[in-house]
Amino acid sequence: ESNFKQLLKAKLNSLNEQSKWDDVKGQIENDNDFTALSSESDRVRLFEEFHRQIVADAQAAAAAAAAASHHYHHHHKKARKDKKKRKHEKS
């Protein structure tokens, strides 16, 4: 199973959310690590685990990038508001 997972990582760096087992299978079915795992259900299970992880990593990276790009918009808002309030109280 470990070798099969390594095969998926090595050969399928273009794997994305839309990737399907039948398409992937065609790319790796002649590899020794594919044939060494004789159970098709094990292959499918390992592919699905790997695929879920790829999708989850991509979603986490996108969320982190979105959060980082919007992080700076709220700095010092309260401080400016308090300063403005004090200025109006003096007048």
PDB file of N, CA and C in Angstrom:
ATOM      1  N   GLU A   1       0.824  -1.198   0.000  1.00  0.00           N
ATOM      2  CA  GLU A   1       0.000   0.000   0.000  1.00  0.00           C
ATOM      3  C   GLU A   1       0.861   1.252   0.000  1.00  0.00           C
ATOM      4  N   SER A   2       1.950   1.193   0.735  1.00  0.00           N
ATOM      5  CA  SER A   2       2.849   2.347   0.801  1.00  0.00           C
ATOM      6  C   SER A   2       3.425   2.671  -0.583  1.00  0.00           C
ATOM      7  N   ASN A   3       3.841   1.635  -1.300  1.00  0.00           N
ATOM      8  CA  ASN A   3       4.386   1.845  -2.648  1.00  0.00           C
ATOM      9  C   ASN A   3       3.330   2.396  -3.593  1.00  0.00           C
ATOM     10  N   PHE A   4       2.103   1.930  -3.439  1.00  0.00           N
ATOM     11  CA  PHE A   4       1.017   2.418  -4.287  1.00  0.00           C
ATOM     12  C   PHE A   4       0.744   3.900  -4.003  1.00  0.00           C
ATOM     13  N   LYS A   5       0.775   4.289  -2.728  1.00  0.00           N
ATOM     14  CA  LYS A   5       0.594   5.703  -2.376  1.00  0.00           C
ATOM     15  C   LYS A   5       1.712   6.552  -2.968  1.00  0.00           C
ATOM     16  N   GLN A   6       2.940   6.039  -2.906  1.00  0.00           N
ATOM     17  CA  GLN A   6       4.072   6.762  -3.492  1.00  0.00           C
ATOM     18  C   GLN A   6       3.899   6.894  -5.005  1.00  0.00           C
ATOM     19  N   LEU A   7       3.371   5.865  -5.627  1.00  0.00           N
ATOM     20  CA  LEU A   7       3.094   5.908  -7.064  1.00  0.00           C
ATOM     21  C   LEU A   7       2.097   7.026  -7.367  1.00  0.00           C
ATOM     22  N   LEU A   8       1.040   7.096  -6.577  1.00  0.00           N
ATOM     23  CA  LEU A   8       0.045   8.158  -6.791  1.00  0.00           C
ATOM     24  C   LEU A   8       0.688   9.536  -6.656  1.00  0.00           C
ATOM     25  N   LYS A   9       1.499   9.716  -5.620  1.00  0.00           N
ATOM     26  CA  LYS A   9       2.153  11.008  -5.396  1.00  0.00           C
ATOM     27  C   LYS A   9       3.107  11.362  -6.534  1.00  0.00           C
ATOM     28  N   ALA A  10       3.867  10.387  -6.969  1.00  0.00           N
ATOM     29  CA  ALA A  10       4.885  10.634  -7.989  1.00  0.00           C
ATOM     30  C   ALA A  10       4.302  10.886  -9.376  1.00  0.00           C
ATOM     31  N   LYS A  11       3.315  10.109  -9.748  1.00  0.00           N
ATOM     32  CA  LYS A  11       2.804  10.166 -11.118  1.00  0.00           C
ATOM     33  C   LYS A  11       1.630  11.122 -11.296  1.00  0.00           C
ATOM     34  N   LEU A  12       0.988  11.492 -10.213  1.00  0.00           N
ATOM     35  CA  LEU A  12      -0.259  12.230 -10.366  1.00  0.00           C
ATOM     36  C   LEU A  12      -0.219  13.589  -9.686  1.00  0.00           C
ATOM     37  N   ASN A  13       0.838  14.348  -9.964  1.00  0.00           N
ATOM     38  CA  ASN A  13       0.948  15.667  -9.367  1.00  0.00           C
ATOM     39  C   ASN A  13      -0.083  16.636  -9.934  1.00  0.00           C
ATOM     40  N   SER A  14      -0.754  16.236 -10.991  1.00  0.00           N
ATOM     41  CA  SER A  14      -1.790  17.093 -11.576  1.00  0.00           C
ATOM     42  C   SER A  14      -3.191  16.693 -11.100  1.00  0.00           C
ATOM     43  N   LEU A  15      -3.257  15.858 -10.091  1.00  0.00           N
ATOM     44  CA  LEU A  15      -4.541  15.410  -9.554  1.00  0.00           C
ATOM     45  C   LEU A  15      -5.309  16.605  -8.997  1.00  0.00           C
ATOM     46  N   ASN A  16      -6.599  16.682  -9.315  1.00  0.00           N
ATOM     47  CA  ASN A  16      -7.420  17.783  -8.802  1.00  0.00           C
ATOM     48  C   ASN A  16      -8.784  17.262  -8.368  1.00  0.00           C
ATOM     49  N   GLU A  17      -9.670  18.175  -7.983  1.00  0.00           N
ATOM     50  CA  GLU A  17     -10.978  17.780  -7.470  1.00  0.00           C
ATOM     51  C   GLU A  17     -11.802  16.987  -8.481  1.00  0.00           C
ATOM     52  N   GLN A  18     -11.588  17.204  -9.762  1.00  0.00           N
ATOM     53  CA  GLN A  18     -12.377  16.533 -10.791  1.00  0.00           C
ATOM     54  C   GLN A  18     -11.779  15.195 -11.237  1.00  0.00           C
ATOM     55  N   SER A  19     -10.619  14.846 -10.725  1.00  0.00           N
ATOM     56  CA  SER A  19      -9.960  13.603 -11.136  1.00  0.00           C
ATOM     57  C   SER A  19     -10.814  12.390 -10.756  1.00  0.00           C
ATOM     58  N   LYS A  20     -10.900  11.454 -11.677  1.00  0.00           N
ATOM     59  CA  LYS A  20     -11.689  10.225 -11.481  1.00  0.00           C
ATOM     60  C   LYS A  20     -10.766   9.017 -11.512  1.00  0.00           C
ATOM     61  N   TRP A  21     -11.133   7.969 -10.792  1.00  0.00           N
ATOM     62  CA  TRP A  21     -10.327   6.771 -10.713  1.00  0.00           C
ATOM     63  C   TRP A  21     -10.061   6.171 -12.087  1.00  0.00           C
ATOM     64  N   ASP A  22     -11.062   6.096 -12.934  1.00  0.00           N
ATOM     65  CA  ASP A  22     -10.871   5.477 -14.252  1.00  0.00           C
ATOM     66  C   ASP A  22      -9.824   6.211 -15.079  1.00  0.00           C
ATOM     67  N   ASP A  23      -9.780   7.530 -14.986  1.00  0.00           N
ATOM     68  CA  ASP A  23      -8.772   8.302 -15.721  1.00  0.00           C
ATOM     69  C   ASP A  23      -7.376   8.067 -15.144  1.00  0.00           C
ATOM     70  N   VAL A  24      -7.302   8.061 -13.830  1.00  0.00           N
ATOM     71  CA  VAL A  24      -6.023   7.870 -13.152  1.00  0.00           C
ATOM     72  C   VAL A  24      -5.496   6.457 -13.392  1.00  0.00           C
ATOM     73  N   LYS A  25      -6.374   5.504 -13.317  1.00  0.00           N
ATOM     74  CA  LYS A  25      -5.999   4.100 -13.510  1.00  0.00           C
ATOM     75  C   LYS A  25      -5.295   3.912 -14.847  1.00  0.00           C
ATOM     76  N   GLY A  26      -5.804   4.550 -15.886  1.00  0.00           N
ATOM     77  CA  GLY A  26      -5.195   4.430 -17.206  1.00  0.00           C
ATOM     78  C   GLY A  26      -3.767   4.936 -17.261  1.00  0.00           C
ATOM     79  N   GLN A  27      -3.442   5.877 -16.388  1.00  0.00           N
ATOM     80  CA  GLN A  27      -2.089   6.449 -16.380  1.00  0.00           C
ATOM     81  C   GLN A  27      -1.082   5.587 -15.615  1.00  0.00           C
ATOM     82  N   ILE A  28      -1.569   4.760 -14.689  1.00  0.00           N
ATOM     83  CA  ILE A  28      -0.634   4.031 -13.820  1.00  0.00           C
ATOM     84  C   ILE A  28      -0.758   2.509 -13.872  1.00  0.00           C
ATOM     85  N   GLU A  29      -1.694   1.965 -14.649  1.00  0.00           N
ATOM     86  CA  GLU A  29      -1.969   0.519 -14.582  1.00  0.00           C
ATOM     87  C   GLU A  29      -0.824  -0.370 -15.035  1.00  0.00           C
ATOM     88  N   ASN A  30       0.151   0.157 -15.748  1.00  0.00           N
ATOM     89  CA  ASN A  30       1.276  -0.672 -16.190  1.00  0.00           C
ATOM     90  C   ASN A  30       2.459  -0.620 -15.227  1.00  0.00           C
ATOM     91  N   ASP A  31       2.350   0.155 -14.180  1.00  0.00           N
ATOM     92  CA  ASP A  31       3.431   0.298 -13.206  1.00  0.00           C
ATOM     93  C   ASP A  31       3.473  -0.919 -12.270  1.00  0.00           C
ATOM     94  N   ASN A  32       4.678  -1.326 -11.861  1.00  0.00           N
ATOM     95  CA  ASN A  32       4.843  -2.479 -10.966  1.00  0.00           C
ATOM     96  C   ASN A  32       4.127  -2.287  -9.638  1.00  0.00           C
ATOM     97  N   ASP A  33       4.139  -1.075  -9.100  1.00  0.00           N
ATOM     98  CA  ASP A  33       3.475  -0.831  -7.821  1.00  0.00           C
ATOM     99  C   ASP A  33       1.954  -0.930  -7.948  1.00  0.00           C
ATOM    100  N   PHE A  34       1.439  -0.702  -9.123  1.00  0.00           N
ATOM    101  CA  PHE A  34       0.009  -0.886  -9.368  1.00  0.00           C
ATOM    102  C   PHE A  34      -0.328  -2.366  -9.377  1.00  0.00           C
ATOM    103  N   THR A  35       0.426  -3.139 -10.132  1.00  0.00           N
ATOM    104  CA  THR A  35       0.136  -4.568 -10.248  1.00  0.00           C
ATOM    105  C   THR A  35       0.466  -5.337  -8.964  1.00  0.00           C
ATOM    106  N   ALA A  36       1.385  -4.804  -8.148  1.00  0.00           N
ATOM    107  CA  ALA A  36       1.734  -5.463  -6.886  1.00  0.00           C
ATOM    108  C   ALA A  36       0.565  -5.455  -5.904  1.00  0.00           C
ATOM    109  N   LEU A  37      -0.295  -4.467  -6.023  1.00  0.00           N
ATOM    110  CA  LEU A  37      -1.494  -4.407  -5.186  1.00  0.00           C
ATOM    111  C   LEU A  37      -2.605  -5.080  -5.977  1.00  0.00           C
ATOM    112  N   SER A  38      -2.888  -6.325  -5.653  1.00  0.00           N
ATOM    113  CA  SER A  38      -3.768  -7.129  -6.505  1.00  0.00           C
ATOM    114  C   SER A  38      -5.252  -6.805  -6.360  1.00  0.00           C
ATOM    115  N   SER A  39      -5.659  -6.229  -5.264  1.00  0.00           N
ATOM    116  CA  SER A  39      -7.077  -5.968  -5.037  1.00  0.00           C
ATOM    117  C   SER A  39      -7.495  -4.616  -5.623  1.00  0.00           C
ATOM    118  N   GLU A  40      -8.421  -4.666  -6.565  1.00  0.00           N
ATOM    119  CA  GLU A  40      -8.932  -3.430  -7.171  1.00  0.00           C
ATOM    120  C   GLU A  40      -9.620  -2.558  -6.123  1.00  0.00           C
ATOM    121  N   SER A  41     -10.304  -3.177  -5.182  1.00  0.00           N
ATOM    122  CA  SER A  41     -10.988  -2.386  -4.146  1.00  0.00           C
ATOM    123  C   SER A  41      -9.972  -1.649  -3.262  1.00  0.00           C
ATOM    124  N   ASP A  42      -8.826  -2.269  -3.000  1.00  0.00           N
ATOM    125  CA  ASP A  42      -7.771  -1.580  -2.239  1.00  0.00           C
ATOM    126  C   ASP A  42      -7.203  -0.408  -3.030  1.00  0.00           C
ATOM    127  N   ARG A  43      -7.011  -0.609  -4.327  1.00  0.00           N
ATOM    128  CA  ARG A  43      -6.513   0.482  -5.176  1.00  0.00           C
ATOM    129  C   ARG A  43      -7.472   1.666  -5.151  1.00  0.00           C
ATOM    130  N   VAL A  44      -8.750   1.358  -5.305  1.00  0.00           N
ATOM    131  CA  VAL A  44      -9.771   2.418  -5.319  1.00  0.00           C
ATOM    132  C   VAL A  44      -9.810   3.119  -3.962  1.00  0.00           C
ATOM    133  N   ARG A  45      -9.766   2.349  -2.894  1.00  0.00           N
ATOM    134  CA  ARG A  45      -9.792   2.931  -1.544  1.00  0.00           C
ATOM    135  C   ARG A  45      -8.605   3.869  -1.327  1.00  0.00           C
ATOM    136  N   LEU A  46      -7.415   3.426  -1.706  1.00  0.00           N
ATOM    137  CA  LEU A  46      -6.223   4.248  -1.526  1.00  0.00           C
ATOM    138  C   LEU A  46      -6.264   5.498  -2.407  1.00  0.00           C
ATOM    139  N   PHE A  47      -6.765   5.336  -3.622  1.00  0.00           N
ATOM    140  CA  PHE A  47      -6.919   6.505  -4.493  1.00  0.00           C
ATOM    141  C   PHE A  47      -7.876   7.513  -3.871  1.00  0.00           C
ATOM    142  N   GLU A  48      -8.999   7.029  -3.358  1.00  0.00           N
ATOM    143  CA  GLU A  48      -9.996   7.938  -2.773  1.00  0.00           C
ATOM    144  C   GLU A  48      -9.448   8.649  -1.537  1.00  0.00           C
ATOM    145  N   GLU A  49      -8.676   7.937  -0.721  1.00  0.00           N
ATOM    146  CA  GLU A  49      -8.043   8.569   0.443  1.00  0.00           C
ATOM    147  C   GLU A  49      -7.076   9.659  -0.011  1.00  0.00           C
ATOM    148  N   PHE A  50      -6.264   9.327  -0.999  1.00  0.00           N
ATOM    149  CA  PHE A  50      -5.286  10.278  -1.533  1.00  0.00           C
ATOM    150  C   PHE A  50      -5.995  11.476  -2.150  1.00  0.00           C
ATOM    151  N   HIS A  51      -7.042  11.211  -2.900  1.00  0.00           N
ATOM    152  CA  HIS A  51      -7.803  12.267  -3.568  1.00  0.00           C
ATOM    153  C   HIS A  51      -8.444  13.203  -2.548  1.00  0.00           C
ATOM    154  N   ARG A  52      -9.038  12.638  -1.504  1.00  0.00           N
ATOM    155  CA  ARG A  52      -9.654  13.462  -0.442  1.00  0.00           C
ATOM    156  C   ARG A  52      -8.618  14.380   0.190  1.00  0.00           C
ATOM    157  N   GLN A  53      -7.413  13.842   0.415  1.00  0.00           N
ATOM    158  CA  GLN A  53      -6.357  14.639   1.034  1.00  0.00           C
ATOM    159  C   GLN A  53      -5.913  15.776   0.113  1.00  0.00           C
ATOM    160  N   ILE A  54      -5.790  15.496  -1.167  1.00  0.00           N
ATOM    161  CA  ILE A  54      -5.411  16.526  -2.135  1.00  0.00           C
ATOM    162  C   ILE A  54      -6.456  17.642  -2.146  1.00  0.00           C
ATOM    163  N   VAL A  55      -7.716  17.279  -2.172  1.00  0.00           N
ATOM    164  CA  VAL A  55      -8.807  18.254  -2.192  1.00  0.00           C
ATOM    165  C   VAL A  55      -8.810  19.073  -0.901  1.00  0.00           C
ATOM    166  N   ALA A  56      -8.656  18.412   0.229  1.00  0.00           N
ATOM    167  CA  ALA A  56      -8.641  19.107   1.517  1.00  0.00           C
ATOM    168  C   ALA A  56      -7.466  20.071   1.609  1.00  0.00           C
ATOM    169  N   ASP A  57      -6.290  19.647   1.144  1.00  0.00           N
ATOM    170  CA  ASP A  57      -5.111  20.517   1.161  1.00  0.00           C
ATOM    171  C   ASP A  57      -5.323  21.738   0.268  1.00  0.00           C
ATOM    172  N   ALA A  58      -5.919  21.530  -0.892  1.00  0.00           N
ATOM    173  CA  ALA A  58      -6.167  22.644  -1.810  1.00  0.00           C
ATOM    174  C   ALA A  58      -7.159  23.631  -1.204  1.00  0.00           C
ATOM    175  N   GLN A  59      -8.202  23.127  -0.564  1.00  0.00           N
ATOM    176  CA  GLN A  59      -9.185  24.006   0.058  1.00  0.00           C
ATOM    177  C   GLN A  59      -8.576  24.773   1.228  1.00  0.00           C
ATOM    178  N   ALA A  60      -7.744  24.119   2.010  1.00  0.00           N
ATOM    179  CA  ALA A  60      -7.095  24.787   3.143  1.00  0.00           C
ATOM    180  C   ALA A  60      -6.139  25.871   2.651  1.00  0.00           C
ATOM    181  N   ALA A  61      -5.404  25.574   1.591  1.00  0.00           N
ATOM    182  CA  ALA A  61      -4.486  26.568   1.042  1.00  0.00           C
ATOM    183  C   ALA A  61      -5.239  27.769   0.485  1.00  0.00           C
ATOM    184  N   ALA A  62      -6.347  27.524  -0.180  1.00  0.00           N
ATOM    185  CA  ALA A  62      -7.153  28.621  -0.724  1.00  0.00           C
ATOM    186  C   ALA A  62      -7.740  29.475   0.393  1.00  0.00           C
ATOM    187  N   ALA A  63      -8.195  28.836   1.459  1.00  0.00           N
ATOM    188  CA  ALA A  63      -8.757  29.577   2.590  1.00  0.00           C
ATOM    189  C   ALA A  63      -7.684  30.409   3.279  1.00  0.00           C
ATOM    190  N   ALA A  64      -6.504  29.850   3.434  1.00  0.00           N
ATOM    191  CA  ALA A  64      -5.406  30.581   4.065  1.00  0.00           C
ATOM    192  C   ALA A  64      -4.983  31.770   3.208  1.00  0.00           C
ATOM    193  N   ALA A  65      -4.941  31.581   1.905  1.00  0.00           N
ATOM    194  CA  ALA A  65      -4.567  32.673   1.009  1.00  0.00           C
ATOM    195  C   ALA A  65      -5.608  33.787   1.041  1.00  0.00           C
ATOM    196  N   ALA A  66      -6.870  33.417   1.079  1.00  0.00           N
ATOM    197  CA  ALA A  66      -7.939  34.411   1.145  1.00  0.00           C
ATOM    198  C   ALA A  66      -7.880  35.177   2.458  1.00  0.00           C
ATOM    199  N   ALA A  67      -7.637  34.483   3.544  1.00  0.00           N
ATOM    200  CA  ALA A  67      -7.557  35.135   4.851  1.00  0.00           C
ATOM    201  C   ALA A  67      -6.357  36.075   4.907  1.00  0.00           C
ATOM    202  N   ALA A  68      -5.247  35.654   4.342  1.00  0.00           N
ATOM    203  CA  ALA A  68      -4.039  36.482   4.364  1.00  0.00           C
ATOM    204  C   ALA A  68      -4.210  37.734   3.516  1.00  0.00           C
ATOM    205  N   SER A  69      -4.914  37.633   2.420  1.00  0.00           N
ATOM    206  CA  SER A  69      -5.056  38.790   1.541  1.00  0.00           C
ATOM    207  C   SER A  69      -6.019  39.831   2.092  1.00  0.00           C
ATOM    208  N   HIS A  70      -6.909  39.451   3.007  1.00  0.00           N
ATOM    209  CA  HIS A  70      -7.874  40.388   3.569  1.00  0.00           C
ATOM    210  C   HIS A  70      -7.535  40.785   4.999  1.00  0.00           C
ATOM    211  N   HIS A  71      -6.428  40.331   5.505  1.00  0.00           N
ATOM    212  CA  HIS A  71      -6.075  40.527   6.900  1.00  0.00           C
ATOM    213  C   HIS A  71      -5.872  41.991   7.264  1.00  0.00           C
ATOM    214  N   TYR A  72      -5.310  42.769   6.387  1.00  0.00           N
ATOM    215  CA  TYR A  72      -4.888  44.125   6.721  1.00  0.00           C
ATOM    216  C   TYR A  72      -6.017  45.149   6.739  1.00  0.00           C
ATOM    217  N   HIS A  73      -7.198  44.828   6.300  1.00  0.00           N
ATOM    218  CA  HIS A  73      -8.267  45.820   6.161  1.00  0.00           C
ATOM    219  C   HIS A  73      -8.824  46.344   7.474  1.00  0.00           C
ATOM    220  N   HIS A  74      -8.676  45.650   8.564  1.00  0.00           N
ATOM    221  CA  HIS A  74      -9.343  46.046   9.790  1.00  0.00           C
ATOM    222  C   HIS A  74      -8.433  46.654  10.849  1.00  0.00           C
ATOM    223  N   HIS A  75      -7.172  46.839  10.556  1.00  0.00           N
ATOM    224  CA  HIS A  75      -6.250  47.355  11.556  1.00  0.00           C
ATOM    225  C   HIS A  75      -6.597  48.770  11.990  1.00  0.00           C
ATOM    226  N   HIS A  76      -6.538  49.019  13.262  1.00  0.00           N
ATOM    227  CA  HIS A  76      -6.661  50.346  13.872  1.00  0.00           C
ATOM    228  C   HIS A  76      -8.028  50.990  13.707  1.00  0.00           C
ATOM    229  N   LYS A  77      -9.005  50.263  13.302  1.00  0.00           N
ATOM    230  CA  LYS A  77     -10.331  50.835  13.105  1.00  0.00           C
ATOM    231  C   LYS A  77     -10.867  51.405  14.411  1.00  0.00           C
ATOM    232  N   LYS A  78     -10.732  50.662  15.490  1.00  0.00           N
ATOM    233  CA  LYS A  78     -11.233  51.116  16.787  1.00  0.00           C
ATOM    234  C   LYS A  78     -10.452  52.332  17.257  1.00  0.00           C
ATOM    235  N   ALA A  79      -9.157  52.331  17.105  1.00  0.00           N
ATOM    236  CA  ALA A  79      -8.331  53.461  17.537  1.00  0.00           C
ATOM    237  C   ALA A  79      -8.738  54.737  16.801  1.00  0.00           C
ATOM    238  N   ARG A  80      -8.973  54.657  15.501  1.00  0.00           N
ATOM    239  CA  ARG A  80      -9.397  55.830  14.727  1.00  0.00           C
ATOM    240  C   ARG A  80     -10.759  56.316  15.179  1.00  0.00           C
ATOM    241  N   LYS A  81     -11.634  55.374  15.451  1.00  0.00           N
ATOM    242  CA  LYS A  81     -12.979  55.721  15.886  1.00  0.00           C
ATOM    243  C   LYS A  81     -12.927  56.450  17.241  1.00  0.00           C
ATOM    244  N   ASP A  82     -12.105  55.942  18.172  1.00  0.00           N
ATOM    245  CA  ASP A  82     -11.962  56.571  19.481  1.00  0.00           C
ATOM    246  C   ASP A  82     -11.365  57.971  19.354  1.00  0.00           C
ATOM    247  N   LYS A  83     -10.390  58.135  18.498  1.00  0.00           N
ATOM    248  CA  LYS A  83      -9.754  59.435  18.296  1.00  0.00           C
ATOM    249  C   LYS A  83     -10.766  60.449  17.767  1.00  0.00           C
ATOM    250  N   LYS A  84     -11.565  60.014  16.821  1.00  0.00           N
ATOM    251  CA  LYS A  84     -12.581  60.891  16.243  1.00  0.00           C
ATOM    252  C   LYS A  84     -13.617  61.276  17.308  1.00  0.00           C
ATOM    253  N   LYS A  85     -13.987  60.320  18.143  1.00  0.00           N
ATOM    254  CA  LYS A  85     -14.970  60.567  19.199  1.00  0.00           C
ATOM    255  C   LYS A  85     -14.412  61.597  20.192  1.00  0.00           C
ATOM    256  N   ARG A  86     -13.165  61.456  20.598  1.00  0.00           N
ATOM    257  CA  ARG A  86     -12.549  62.413  21.520  1.00  0.00           C
ATOM    258  C   ARG A  86     -12.477  63.804  20.919  1.00  0.00           C
ATOM    259  N   LYS A  87     -12.188  63.884  19.634  1.00  0.00           N
ATOM    260  CA  LYS A  87     -12.091  65.181  18.955  1.00  0.00           C
ATOM    261  C   LYS A  87     -13.432  65.898  18.991  1.00  0.00           C
ATOM    262  N   HIS A  88     -14.507  65.161  18.756  1.00  0.00           N
ATOM    263  CA  HIS A  88     -15.855  65.758  18.757  1.00  0.00           C
ATOM    264  C   HIS A  88     -16.293  66.148  20.165  1.00  0.00           C
ATOM    265  N   GLU A  89     -15.814  65.412  21.177  1.00  0.00           N
ATOM    266  CA  GLU A  89     -16.160  65.739  22.551  1.00  0.00           C
ATOM    267  C   GLU A  89     -15.518  67.045  22.986  1.00  0.00           C
ATOM    268  N   LYS A  90     -14.316  67.337  22.439  1.00  0.00           N
ATOM    269  CA  LYS A  90     -13.613  68.569  22.814  1.00  0.00           C
ATOM    270  C   LYS A  90     -14.284  69.803  22.242  1.00  0.00           C
ATOM    271  N   SER A  91     -14.901  69.679  21.080  1.00  0.00           N
ATOM    272  CA  SER A  91     -15.476  70.847  20.438  1.00  0.00           C
ATOM    273  C   SER A  91     -16.861  71.193  20.891  1.00  0.00           C
TER     274      SER A  91
END
